[in-house]
Amino acid sequence: MYIFMADTQALTDYFENPGLVSRNVWQLAEDYAACGIDFEKNCIFIQSMIRALPEIGMYYMNFVTLSRVERNPTVKTELQSKKFARDIPCGFVCYPIFQAADITAFQATDIPVGEDQLPMLEQTNEIVRKFNSMYNTDILKECKIMASSTPRLVGIDGQAKASKSLNNCIFLNDSAQEVANKVMSMYTDPNHIRASDPGRVEGNVVFDYLTAFATDLAEIEDLKAQYRKGGLGDVLIKKRLIAILEEFFGPIRERRAKVDPKLLKEMVFAGTKKANIVADGVLSQIKEAMFLNFR
């Protein structure tokens, strides 16, 4: 599997603070290791260090109209949330095209992402079909989403998506106290004033997270039934969620404590070297199909 730290893409949000992006790269690599991803079995690399990606993305820009990227549902949602109006940075509105480069440079067919990224994969496949048809080739491969049982995790503030840029999520490097504090601040049912009041489970962030992280779903269904009926307080269900999340985060914290930063960097740079070889090979095939491999 090819796993990358999308620092170039992150610059669409943090171009004025690139130092933050570079620091986040190493934090993300540490997150991957802490979660148990094997750096020897998978290729983990830094996006900005893959020299073929900008060139591939530049070619793809000729296959997509501006109106098409502006119609992309994910882009439309993010444009609204950032309130750009018409002052839209070109890098931001074009990032779905360069995301297509990220995917096709490794001929990836299965993409493990949240369901909000499905429009990006659809746009990638449009580019793939157009390129292959125009140049009578099968170099580029179509891809499909590889969704988990929780294809989208809502933000702790009740927003539709948990996002680092919105600062409405629980981070993998949060301490036990930070996780507890965030859970206690979670959005529930605003009309559930007293424990005895019947409450709504739908749209209740605490229950969304209980459903996503609990291993005993029968217990969660019982809690939902009690909450709907009345007699179950928000503090009680939040404390149950804190306990469940601690079971999830505990092993991650243990692995994080054993991460060797020097060895981690060495493995990321080794993965980046390998990724460059693969992406260069695909770029060469793309240029061959476009009659751009001059000899």
C-alpha atoms as a PDB file:
ATOM      1  CA  MET A   1       0.000   0.000   0.000  1.00  0.00           C
ATOM      2  CA  TYR A   2       1.159   3.515  -0.787  1.00  0.00           C
ATOM      3  CA  ILE A   3       0.503   5.985   2.045  1.00  0.00           C
ATOM      4  CA  PHE A   4       1.484   9.603   1.702  1.00  0.00           C
ATOM      5  CA  MET A   5       1.675  12.727   3.805  1.00  0.00           C
ATOM      6  CA  ALA A   6      -0.203  15.305   1.718  1.00  0.00           C
ATOM      7  CA  ASP A   7       1.875  18.356   2.569  1.00  0.00           C
ATOM      8  CA  THR A   8       1.469  19.984  -0.859  1.00  0.00           C
ATOM      9  CA  GLN A   9      -2.292  19.661  -0.616  1.00  0.00           C
ATOM     10  CA  ALA A  10      -2.232  20.961   2.970  1.00  0.00           C
ATOM     11  CA  LEU A  11      -0.637  24.167   1.707  1.00  0.00           C
ATOM     12  CA  THR A  12      -3.981  25.093   0.117  1.00  0.00           C
ATOM     13  CA  ASP A  13      -5.067  25.821   3.702  1.00  0.00           C
ATOM     14  CA  TYR A  14      -1.746  26.809   5.255  1.00  0.00           C
ATOM     15  CA  PHE A  15       0.285  28.456   2.505  1.00  0.00           C
ATOM     16  CA  GLU A  16       1.114  31.380   4.813  1.00  0.00           C
ATOM     17  CA  ASN A  17       2.368  28.990   7.485  1.00  0.00           C
ATOM     18  CA  PRO A  18       4.345  26.227   5.733  1.00  0.00           C
ATOM     19  CA  GLY A  19       6.337  25.487   8.885  1.00  0.00           C
ATOM     20  CA  LEU A  20       3.170  24.138  10.485  1.00  0.00           C
ATOM     21  CA  VAL A  21       2.670  21.800   7.525  1.00  0.00           C
ATOM     22  CA  SER A  22       6.202  20.401   7.727  1.00  0.00           C
ATOM     23  CA  ARG A  23       5.831  19.767  11.460  1.00  0.00           C
ATOM     24  CA  ASN A  24       2.526  18.018  10.833  1.00  0.00           C
ATOM     25  CA  VAL A  25       4.215  15.674   8.342  1.00  0.00           C
ATOM     26  CA  TRP A  26       6.342  14.126  11.063  1.00  0.00           C
ATOM     27  CA  GLN A  27       3.448  14.053  13.494  1.00  0.00           C
ATOM     28  CA  LEU A  28       1.388  12.196  10.891  1.00  0.00           C
ATOM     29  CA  ALA A  29       4.202   9.722  10.268  1.00  0.00           C
ATOM     30  CA  GLU A  30       4.314   9.142  14.020  1.00  0.00           C
ATOM     31  CA  ASP A  31       0.527   8.646  14.018  1.00  0.00           C
ATOM     32  CA  TYR A  32       0.871   5.975  11.319  1.00  0.00           C
ATOM     33  CA  ALA A  33       3.523   4.142  13.331  1.00  0.00           C
ATOM     34  CA  ALA A  34       1.520   4.489  16.545  1.00  0.00           C
ATOM     35  CA  CYS A  35      -1.534   2.990  14.835  1.00  0.00           C
ATOM     36  CA  GLY A  36       0.511  -0.087  13.962  1.00  0.00           C
ATOM     37  CA  ILE A  37       1.162   0.499  10.254  1.00  0.00           C
ATOM     38  CA  ASP A  38       4.259  -1.441   9.233  1.00  0.00           C
ATOM     39  CA  PHE A  39       6.683   0.901   7.424  1.00  0.00           C
ATOM     40  CA  GLU A  40       8.558  -2.067   5.946  1.00  0.00           C
ATOM     41  CA  LYS A  41       5.468  -3.657   4.379  1.00  0.00           C
ATOM     42  CA  ASN A  42       3.990  -0.382   3.105  1.00  0.00           C
ATOM     43  CA  CYS A  43       5.418   2.581   1.207  1.00  0.00           C
ATOM     44  CA  ILE A  44       5.035   5.746   3.292  1.00  0.00           C
ATOM     45  CA  PHE A  45       6.236   8.938   1.584  1.00  0.00           C
ATOM     46  CA  ILE A  46       6.067  12.741   1.499  1.00  0.00           C
ATOM     47  CA  GLN A  47       3.933  14.175  -1.307  1.00  0.00           C
ATOM     48  CA  SER A  48       6.071  17.245  -2.057  1.00  0.00           C
ATOM     49  CA  MET A  49       9.161  15.073  -2.551  1.00  0.00           C
ATOM     50  CA  ILE A  50       7.612  13.088  -5.421  1.00  0.00           C
ATOM     51  CA  ARG A  51       8.942  14.969  -8.439  1.00  0.00           C
ATOM     52  CA  ALA A  52       6.529  13.461 -10.996  1.00  0.00           C
ATOM     53  CA  LEU A  53       3.292  14.592  -9.317  1.00  0.00           C
ATOM     54  CA  PRO A  54       3.280  18.294 -10.309  1.00  0.00           C
ATOM     55  CA  GLU A  55       4.007  17.420 -13.933  1.00  0.00           C
ATOM     56  CA  ILE A  56       1.276  14.777 -14.094  1.00  0.00           C
ATOM     57  CA  GLY A  57      -1.173  17.206 -12.500  1.00  0.00           C
ATOM     58  CA  MET A  58      -0.260  19.878 -15.038  1.00  0.00           C
ATOM     59  CA  TYR A  59      -1.129  17.538 -17.924  1.00  0.00           C
ATOM     60  CA  TYR A  60      -4.441  16.593 -16.275  1.00  0.00           C
ATOM     61  CA  MET A  61      -5.455  20.256 -16.006  1.00  0.00           C
ATOM     62  CA  ASN A  62      -6.069  20.165 -19.760  1.00  0.00           C
ATOM     63  CA  PHE A  63      -8.714  17.469 -19.285  1.00  0.00           C
ATOM     64  CA  VAL A  64     -10.865  19.335 -16.767  1.00  0.00           C
ATOM     65  CA  THR A  65     -12.798  22.588 -17.104  1.00  0.00           C
ATOM     66  CA  LEU A  66     -12.927  25.204 -14.378  1.00  0.00           C
ATOM     67  CA  SER A  67     -16.705  24.822 -14.141  1.00  0.00           C
ATOM     68  CA  ARG A  68     -16.262  21.059 -13.574  1.00  0.00           C
ATOM     69  CA  VAL A  69     -13.966  21.450 -10.579  1.00  0.00           C
ATOM     70  CA  GLU A  70     -16.220  24.163  -9.157  1.00  0.00           C
ATOM     71  CA  ARG A  71     -19.161  21.732  -9.413  1.00  0.00           C
ATOM     72  CA  ASN A  72     -17.280  19.104  -7.419  1.00  0.00           C
ATOM     73  CA  PRO A  73     -19.465  18.674  -4.279  1.00  0.00           C
ATOM     74  CA  THR A  74     -16.472  18.402  -1.947  1.00  0.00           C
ATOM     75  CA  VAL A  75     -14.923  21.576  -3.364  1.00  0.00           C
ATOM     76  CA  LYS A  76     -18.271  23.413  -3.210  1.00  0.00           C
ATOM     77  CA  THR A  77     -18.721  22.496   0.447  1.00  0.00           C
ATOM     78  CA  GLU A  78     -15.211  23.582   1.382  1.00  0.00           C
ATOM     79  CA  LEU A  79     -15.502  26.827  -0.594  1.00  0.00           C
ATOM     80  CA  GLN A  80     -18.649  27.646   1.366  1.00  0.00           C
ATOM     81  CA  SER A  81     -17.062  26.796   4.713  1.00  0.00           C
ATOM     82  CA  LYS A  82     -14.011  28.973   3.957  1.00  0.00           C
ATOM     83  CA  LYS A  83     -16.141  31.858   2.608  1.00  0.00           C
ATOM     84  CA  PHE A  84     -13.803  32.534  -0.321  1.00  0.00           C
ATOM     85  CA  ALA A  85     -16.578  34.125  -2.445  1.00  0.00           C
ATOM     86  CA  ARG A  86     -14.796  34.696  -5.795  1.00  0.00           C
ATOM     87  CA  ASP A  87     -11.342  35.199  -4.266  1.00  0.00           C
ATOM     88  CA  ILE A  88     -10.537  31.519  -4.715  1.00  0.00           C
ATOM     89  CA  PRO A  89      -6.854  30.535  -4.815  1.00  0.00           C
ATOM     90  CA  CYS A  90      -6.154  28.548  -7.985  1.00  0.00           C
ATOM     91  CA  GLY A  91      -4.292  25.950  -5.935  1.00  0.00           C
ATOM     92  CA  PHE A  92      -7.384  25.295  -3.851  1.00  0.00           C
ATOM     93  CA  VAL A  93      -9.907  24.903  -6.630  1.00  0.00           C
ATOM     94  CA  CYS A  94      -7.541  22.701  -8.661  1.00  0.00           C
ATOM     95  CA  TYR A  95      -6.555  20.317  -5.893  1.00  0.00           C
ATOM     96  CA  PRO A  96      -8.969  17.569  -7.086  1.00  0.00           C
ATOM     97  CA  ILE A  97      -6.936  17.439 -10.311  1.00  0.00           C
ATOM     98  CA  PHE A  98      -3.687  17.019  -8.426  1.00  0.00           C
ATOM     99  CA  GLN A  99      -5.346  14.455  -6.187  1.00  0.00           C
ATOM    100  CA  ALA A 100      -6.006  12.507  -9.383  1.00  0.00           C
ATOM    101  CA  ALA A 101      -2.265  12.711 -10.044  1.00  0.00           C
ATOM    102  CA  ASP A 102      -1.551  11.350  -6.555  1.00  0.00           C
ATOM    103  CA  ILE A 103      -3.786   8.363  -7.230  1.00  0.00           C
ATOM    104  CA  THR A 104      -2.877   7.525 -10.821  1.00  0.00           C
ATOM    105  CA  ALA A 105       0.879   7.992 -10.366  1.00  0.00           C
ATOM    106  CA  PHE A 106       0.791   4.755  -8.384  1.00  0.00           C
ATOM    107  CA  GLN A 107      -1.914   3.095 -10.527  1.00  0.00           C
ATOM    108  CA  ALA A 108      -3.973   2.758  -7.364  1.00  0.00           C
ATOM    109  CA  THR A 109      -7.292   0.935  -7.693  1.00  0.00           C
ATOM    110  CA  ASP A 110      -8.589   0.862  -4.099  1.00  0.00           C
ATOM    111  CA  ILE A 111      -8.568   4.110  -2.112  1.00  0.00           C
ATOM    112  CA  PRO A 112      -9.254   3.982   1.658  1.00  0.00           C
ATOM    113  CA  VAL A 113     -10.920   7.354   2.313  1.00  0.00           C
ATOM    114  CA  GLY A 114     -14.032   8.820   3.886  1.00  0.00           C
ATOM    115  CA  GLU A 115     -17.216   9.042   1.828  1.00  0.00           C
ATOM    116  CA  ASP A 116     -16.777  12.830   1.466  1.00  0.00           C
ATOM    117  CA  GLN A 117     -13.901  12.041  -0.919  1.00  0.00           C
ATOM    118  CA  LEU A 118     -16.070  10.044  -3.331  1.00  0.00           C
ATOM    119  CA  PRO A 119     -16.507  13.071  -5.668  1.00  0.00           C
ATOM    120  CA  MET A 120     -12.706  13.261  -5.879  1.00  0.00           C
ATOM    121  CA  LEU A 121     -12.496   9.644  -6.979  1.00  0.00           C
ATOM    122  CA  GLU A 122     -15.266  10.199  -9.529  1.00  0.00           C
ATOM    123  CA  GLN A 123     -13.306  13.125 -10.956  1.00  0.00           C
ATOM    124  CA  THR A 124     -10.156  10.995 -11.040  1.00  0.00           C
ATOM    125  CA  ASN A 125     -11.990   8.325 -13.031  1.00  0.00           C
ATOM    126  CA  GLU A 126     -13.281  10.951 -15.467  1.00  0.00           C
ATOM    127  CA  ILE A 127      -9.697  12.016 -16.130  1.00  0.00           C
ATOM    128  CA  VAL A 128      -8.572   8.392 -16.461  1.00  0.00           C
ATOM    129  CA  ARG A 129     -11.268   7.591 -19.020  1.00  0.00           C
ATOM    130  CA  LYS A 130     -10.670  10.760 -21.012  1.00  0.00           C
ATOM    131  CA  PHE A 131      -6.892  10.279 -21.072  1.00  0.00           C
ATOM    132  CA  ASN A 132      -7.064   6.597 -22.054  1.00  0.00           C
ATOM    133  CA  SER A 133      -9.647   7.286 -24.735  1.00  0.00           C
ATOM    134  CA  MET A 134      -7.847  10.287 -26.216  1.00  0.00           C
ATOM    135  CA  TYR A 135      -4.471   8.552 -26.424  1.00  0.00           C
ATOM    136  CA  ASN A 136      -5.765   5.022 -27.098  1.00  0.00           C
ATOM    137  CA  THR A 137      -4.054   3.497 -24.081  1.00  0.00           C
ATOM    138  CA  ASP A 138      -4.808   1.691 -20.829  1.00  0.00           C
ATOM    139  CA  ILE A 139      -1.959   3.191 -18.795  1.00  0.00           C
ATOM    140  CA  LEU A 140      -4.185   4.881 -16.235  1.00  0.00           C
ATOM    141  CA  LYS A 141      -6.359   2.775 -13.941  1.00  0.00           C
ATOM    142  CA  GLU A 142      -9.810   3.590 -12.603  1.00  0.00           C
ATOM    143  CA  CYS A 143     -10.208   3.483  -8.833  1.00  0.00           C
ATOM    144  CA  LYS A 144     -12.932   2.841  -6.299  1.00  0.00           C
ATOM    145  CA  ILE A 145     -13.549   3.882  -2.735  1.00  0.00           C
ATOM    146  CA  MET A 146     -12.567   1.499   0.046  1.00  0.00           C
ATOM    147  CA  ALA A 147     -14.875   2.684   2.819  1.00  0.00           C
ATOM    148  CA  SER A 148     -14.892   1.510   6.405  1.00  0.00           C
ATOM    149  CA  SER A 149     -17.970   0.743   8.509  1.00  0.00           C
ATOM    150  CA  THR A 150     -17.800   4.419   9.536  1.00  0.00           C
ATOM    151  CA  PRO A 151     -17.383   6.188   6.180  1.00  0.00           C
ATOM    152  CA  ARG A 152     -17.679   9.615   7.786  1.00  0.00           C
ATOM    153  CA  LEU A 153     -17.049  10.771  11.349  1.00  0.00           C
ATOM    154  CA  VAL A 154     -18.888  13.910  12.366  1.00  0.00           C
ATOM    155  CA  GLY A 155     -17.087  16.718  14.172  1.00  0.00           C
ATOM    156  CA  ILE A 156     -17.318  16.902  17.953  1.00  0.00           C
ATOM    157  CA  ASP A 157     -19.185  20.194  17.464  1.00  0.00           C
ATOM    158  CA  GLY A 158     -21.889  18.531  15.364  1.00  0.00           C
ATOM    159  CA  GLN A 159     -20.470  19.671  12.012  1.00  0.00           C
ATOM    160  CA  ALA A 160     -20.875  17.221   9.150  1.00  0.00           C
ATOM    161  CA  LYS A 161     -17.186  16.309   9.098  1.00  0.00           C
ATOM    162  CA  ALA A 162     -14.422  15.996  11.658  1.00  0.00           C
ATOM    163  CA  SER A 163     -11.540  18.011  10.240  1.00  0.00           C
ATOM    164  CA  LYS A 164      -8.124  19.067  11.461  1.00  0.00           C
ATOM    165  CA  SER A 165      -8.489  22.429   9.694  1.00  0.00           C
ATOM    166  CA  LEU A 166     -11.768  23.025  11.570  1.00  0.00           C
ATOM    167  CA  ASN A 167     -10.197  21.858  14.849  1.00  0.00           C
ATOM    168  CA  ASN A 168     -13.329  19.883  15.654  1.00  0.00           C
ATOM    169  CA  CYS A 169     -11.885  16.419  16.081  1.00  0.00           C
ATOM    170  CA  ILE A 170     -10.058  14.169  18.514  1.00  0.00           C
ATOM    171  CA  PHE A 171      -6.407  13.751  17.545  1.00  0.00           C
ATOM    172  CA  LEU A 172      -4.490  10.501  17.764  1.00  0.00           C
ATOM    173  CA  ASN A 173      -1.835  12.188  19.909  1.00  0.00           C
ATOM    174  CA  ASP A 174      -4.315  13.667  22.400  1.00  0.00           C
ATOM    175  CA  SER A 175      -3.734  12.805  26.041  1.00  0.00           C
ATOM    176  CA  ALA A 176      -6.374  10.936  28.037  1.00  0.00           C
ATOM    177  CA  GLN A 177      -7.406  14.215  29.663  1.00  0.00           C
ATOM    178  CA  GLU A 178      -7.670  16.009  26.307  1.00  0.00           C
ATOM    179  CA  VAL A 179      -9.882  13.219  24.965  1.00  0.00           C
ATOM    180  CA  ALA A 180     -12.087  13.395  28.069  1.00  0.00           C
ATOM    181  CA  ASN A 181     -12.403  17.170  27.816  1.00  0.00           C
ATOM    182  CA  LYS A 182     -13.411  16.956  24.160  1.00  0.00           C
ATOM    183  CA  VAL A 183     -16.012  14.279  24.860  1.00  0.00           C
ATOM    184  CA  MET A 184     -17.515  16.323  27.660  1.00  0.00           C
ATOM    185  CA  SER A 185     -17.870  19.259  25.242  1.00  0.00           C
ATOM    186  CA  MET A 186     -19.601  17.162  22.577  1.00  0.00           C
ATOM    187  CA  TYR A 187     -22.873  18.227  21.039  1.00  0.00           C
ATOM    188  CA  THR A 188     -25.866  16.126  22.171  1.00  0.00           C
ATOM    189  CA  ASP A 189     -29.615  16.830  22.085  1.00  0.00           C
ATOM    190  CA  PRO A 190     -30.207  20.500  23.076  1.00  0.00           C
ATOM    191  CA  ASN A 191     -33.747  19.623  24.196  1.00  0.00           C
ATOM    192  CA  HIS A 192     -32.521  16.909  26.560  1.00  0.00           C
ATOM    193  CA  ILE A 193     -32.397  19.194  29.600  1.00  0.00           C
ATOM    194  CA  ARG A 194     -32.888  16.661  32.394  1.00  0.00           C
ATOM    195  CA  ALA A 195     -31.902  13.004  32.551  1.00  0.00           C
ATOM    196  CA  SER A 196     -35.585  12.082  32.799  1.00  0.00           C
ATOM    197  CA  ASP A 197     -36.394  13.808  29.474  1.00  0.00           C
ATOM    198  CA  PRO A 198     -36.701  11.668  26.314  1.00  0.00           C
ATOM    199  CA  GLY A 199     -33.737  12.398  24.041  1.00  0.00           C
ATOM    200  CA  ARG A 200     -32.891  12.223  20.342  1.00  0.00           C
ATOM    201  CA  VAL A 201     -30.195   9.809  19.253  1.00  0.00           C
ATOM    202  CA  GLU A 202     -30.184  10.996  15.633  1.00  0.00           C
ATOM    203  CA  GLY A 203     -27.724  13.871  15.209  1.00  0.00           C
ATOM    204  CA  ASN A 204     -26.360  13.245  18.693  1.00  0.00           C
ATOM    205  CA  VAL A 205     -22.578  13.273  18.361  1.00  0.00           C
ATOM    206  CA  VAL A 206     -21.964  11.147  21.452  1.00  0.00           C
ATOM    207  CA  PHE A 207     -24.043   8.307  20.053  1.00  0.00           C
ATOM    208  CA  ASP A 208     -22.380   8.678  16.647  1.00  0.00           C
ATOM    209  CA  TYR A 209     -19.011   8.101  18.319  1.00  0.00           C
ATOM    210  CA  LEU A 210     -20.331   5.292  20.526  1.00  0.00           C
ATOM    211  CA  THR A 211     -21.591   3.508  17.413  1.00  0.00           C
ATOM    212  CA  ALA A 212     -18.278   4.033  15.615  1.00  0.00           C
ATOM    213  CA  PHE A 213     -15.916   2.930  18.392  1.00  0.00           C
ATOM    214  CA  ALA A 214     -17.795   0.486  20.635  1.00  0.00           C
ATOM    215  CA  THR A 215     -17.154  -3.213  20.187  1.00  0.00           C
ATOM    216  CA  ASP A 216     -20.358  -4.218  21.991  1.00  0.00           C
ATOM    217  CA  LEU A 217     -23.014  -2.742  19.685  1.00  0.00           C
ATOM    218  CA  ALA A 218     -25.811  -4.495  21.622  1.00  0.00           C
ATOM    219  CA  GLU A 219     -24.880  -2.370  24.640  1.00  0.00           C
ATOM    220  CA  ILE A 220     -25.048   0.790  22.502  1.00  0.00           C
ATOM    221  CA  GLU A 221     -28.481  -0.154  21.181  1.00  0.00           C
ATOM    222  CA  ASP A 222     -29.666  -0.564  24.792  1.00  0.00           C
ATOM    223  CA  LEU A 223     -28.267   2.867  25.674  1.00  0.00           C
ATOM    224  CA  LYS A 224     -30.043   4.375  22.668  1.00  0.00           C
ATOM    225  CA  ALA A 225     -33.347   2.831  23.733  1.00  0.00           C
ATOM    226  CA  GLN A 226     -32.944   4.143  27.298  1.00  0.00           C
ATOM    227  CA  TYR A 227     -32.000   7.606  26.055  1.00  0.00           C
ATOM    228  CA  ARG A 228     -34.994   7.807  23.723  1.00  0.00           C
ATOM    229  CA  LYS A 229     -37.316   6.703  26.528  1.00  0.00           C
ATOM    230  CA  GLY A 230     -35.837   9.052  29.145  1.00  0.00           C
ATOM    231  CA  GLY A 231     -33.902   8.391  32.310  1.00  0.00           C
ATOM    232  CA  LEU A 232     -30.376   8.473  30.888  1.00  0.00           C
ATOM    233  CA  GLY A 233     -28.248  11.589  31.356  1.00  0.00           C
ATOM    234  CA  ASP A 234     -25.739  13.088  28.923  1.00  0.00           C
ATOM    235  CA  VAL A 235     -22.923  12.902  31.471  1.00  0.00           C
ATOM    236  CA  LEU A 236     -23.406   9.158  31.878  1.00  0.00           C
ATOM    237  CA  ILE A 237     -23.223   8.411  28.151  1.00  0.00           C
ATOM    238  CA  LYS A 238     -20.232  10.740  27.784  1.00  0.00           C
ATOM    239  CA  LYS A 239     -18.387   8.905  30.548  1.00  0.00           C
ATOM    240  CA  ARG A 240     -19.125   5.616  28.795  1.00  0.00           C
ATOM    241  CA  LEU A 241     -17.713   7.036  25.561  1.00  0.00           C
ATOM    242  CA  ILE A 242     -14.580   8.240  27.360  1.00  0.00           C
ATOM    243  CA  ALA A 243     -13.986   4.709  28.654  1.00  0.00           C
ATOM    244  CA  ILE A 244     -14.481   3.190  25.190  1.00  0.00           C
ATOM    245  CA  LEU A 245     -12.168   5.718  23.538  1.00  0.00           C
ATOM    246  CA  GLU A 246      -9.510   5.071  26.168  1.00  0.00           C
ATOM    247  CA  GLU A 247      -9.558   1.383  25.177  1.00  0.00           C
ATOM    248  CA  PHE A 248      -8.969   2.500  21.590  1.00  0.00           C
ATOM    249  CA  PHE A 249      -6.273   5.110  22.301  1.00  0.00           C
ATOM    250  CA  GLY A 250      -4.384   3.201  25.013  1.00  0.00           C
ATOM    251  CA  PRO A 251      -2.472   0.839  22.673  1.00  0.00           C
ATOM    252  CA  ILE A 252      -1.793   3.739  20.282  1.00  0.00           C
ATOM    253  CA  ARG A 253      -0.177   5.754  23.078  1.00  0.00           C
ATOM    254  CA  GLU A 254       1.936   2.742  24.071  1.00  0.00           C
ATOM    255  CA  ARG A 255       3.254   2.293  20.519  1.00  0.00           C
ATOM    256  CA  ARG A 256       3.846   6.047  20.156  1.00  0.00           C
ATOM    257  CA  ALA A 257       6.072   6.030  23.242  1.00  0.00           C
ATOM    258  CA  LYS A 258       8.307   3.455  21.531  1.00  0.00           C
ATOM    259  CA  VAL A 259       8.695   5.331  18.221  1.00  0.00           C
ATOM    260  CA  ASP A 260      12.304   6.226  17.383  1.00  0.00           C
ATOM    261  CA  PRO A 261      12.116   9.619  15.553  1.00  0.00           C
ATOM    262  CA  LYS A 262      15.448   9.062  13.771  1.00  0.00           C
ATOM    263  CA  LEU A 263      14.458   5.617  12.502  1.00  0.00           C
ATOM    264  CA  LEU A 264      11.033   6.963  11.540  1.00  0.00           C
ATOM    265  CA  LYS A 265      12.609   9.616   9.294  1.00  0.00           C
ATOM    266  CA  GLU A 266      14.904   7.064   7.706  1.00  0.00           C
ATOM    267  CA  MET A 267      11.927   4.846   6.833  1.00  0.00           C
ATOM    268  CA  VAL A 268       9.915   7.777   5.425  1.00  0.00           C
ATOM    269  CA  PHE A 269      12.838   8.844   3.224  1.00  0.00           C
ATOM    270  CA  ALA A 270      13.311   5.240   2.076  1.00  0.00           C
ATOM    271  CA  GLY A 271       9.612   5.051   1.204  1.00  0.00           C
ATOM    272  CA  THR A 272       9.840   8.371  -0.622  1.00  0.00           C
ATOM    273  CA  LYS A 273      12.762   7.089  -2.691  1.00  0.00           C
ATOM    274  CA  LYS A 274      10.780   4.003  -3.659  1.00  0.00           C
ATOM    275  CA  ALA A 275       7.679   6.075  -4.458  1.00  0.00           C
ATOM    276  CA  ASN A 276       9.713   8.337  -6.743  1.00  0.00           C
ATOM    277  CA  ILE A 277      10.849   5.357  -8.804  1.00  0.00           C
ATOM    278  CA  VAL A 278       7.259   4.147  -9.235  1.00  0.00           C
ATOM    279  CA  ALA A 279       5.815   7.589 -10.058  1.00  0.00           C
ATOM    280  CA  ASP A 280       8.656   8.358 -12.491  1.00  0.00           C
ATOM    281  CA  GLY A 281       7.854   5.132 -14.338  1.00  0.00           C
ATOM    282  CA  VAL A 282       4.171   6.026 -14.690  1.00  0.00           C
ATOM    283  CA  LEU A 283       5.039   9.580 -15.774  1.00  0.00           C
ATOM    284  CA  SER A 284       7.302   8.137 -18.464  1.00  0.00           C
ATOM    285  CA  GLN A 285       4.395   6.043 -19.777  1.00  0.00           C
ATOM    286  CA  ILE A 286       2.086   9.069 -19.717  1.00  0.00           C
ATOM    287  CA  LYS A 287       4.589  11.143 -21.714  1.00  0.00           C
ATOM    288  CA  GLU A 288       5.095   8.275 -24.147  1.00  0.00           C
ATOM    289  CA  ALA A 289       1.341   8.175 -24.797  1.00  0.00           C
ATOM    290  CA  MET A 290       1.338  11.966 -25.277  1.00  0.00           C
ATOM    291  CA  PHE A 291       4.346  11.864 -27.660  1.00  0.00           C
ATOM    292  CA  LEU A 292       6.400  13.877 -25.164  1.00  0.00           C
ATOM    293  CA  ASN A 293       9.243  11.400 -24.634  1.00  0.00           C
ATOM    294  CA  PHE A 294      11.782  13.102 -26.885  1.00  0.00           C
ATOM    295  CA  ARG A 295      14.855  11.116 -27.867  1.00  0.00           C
END
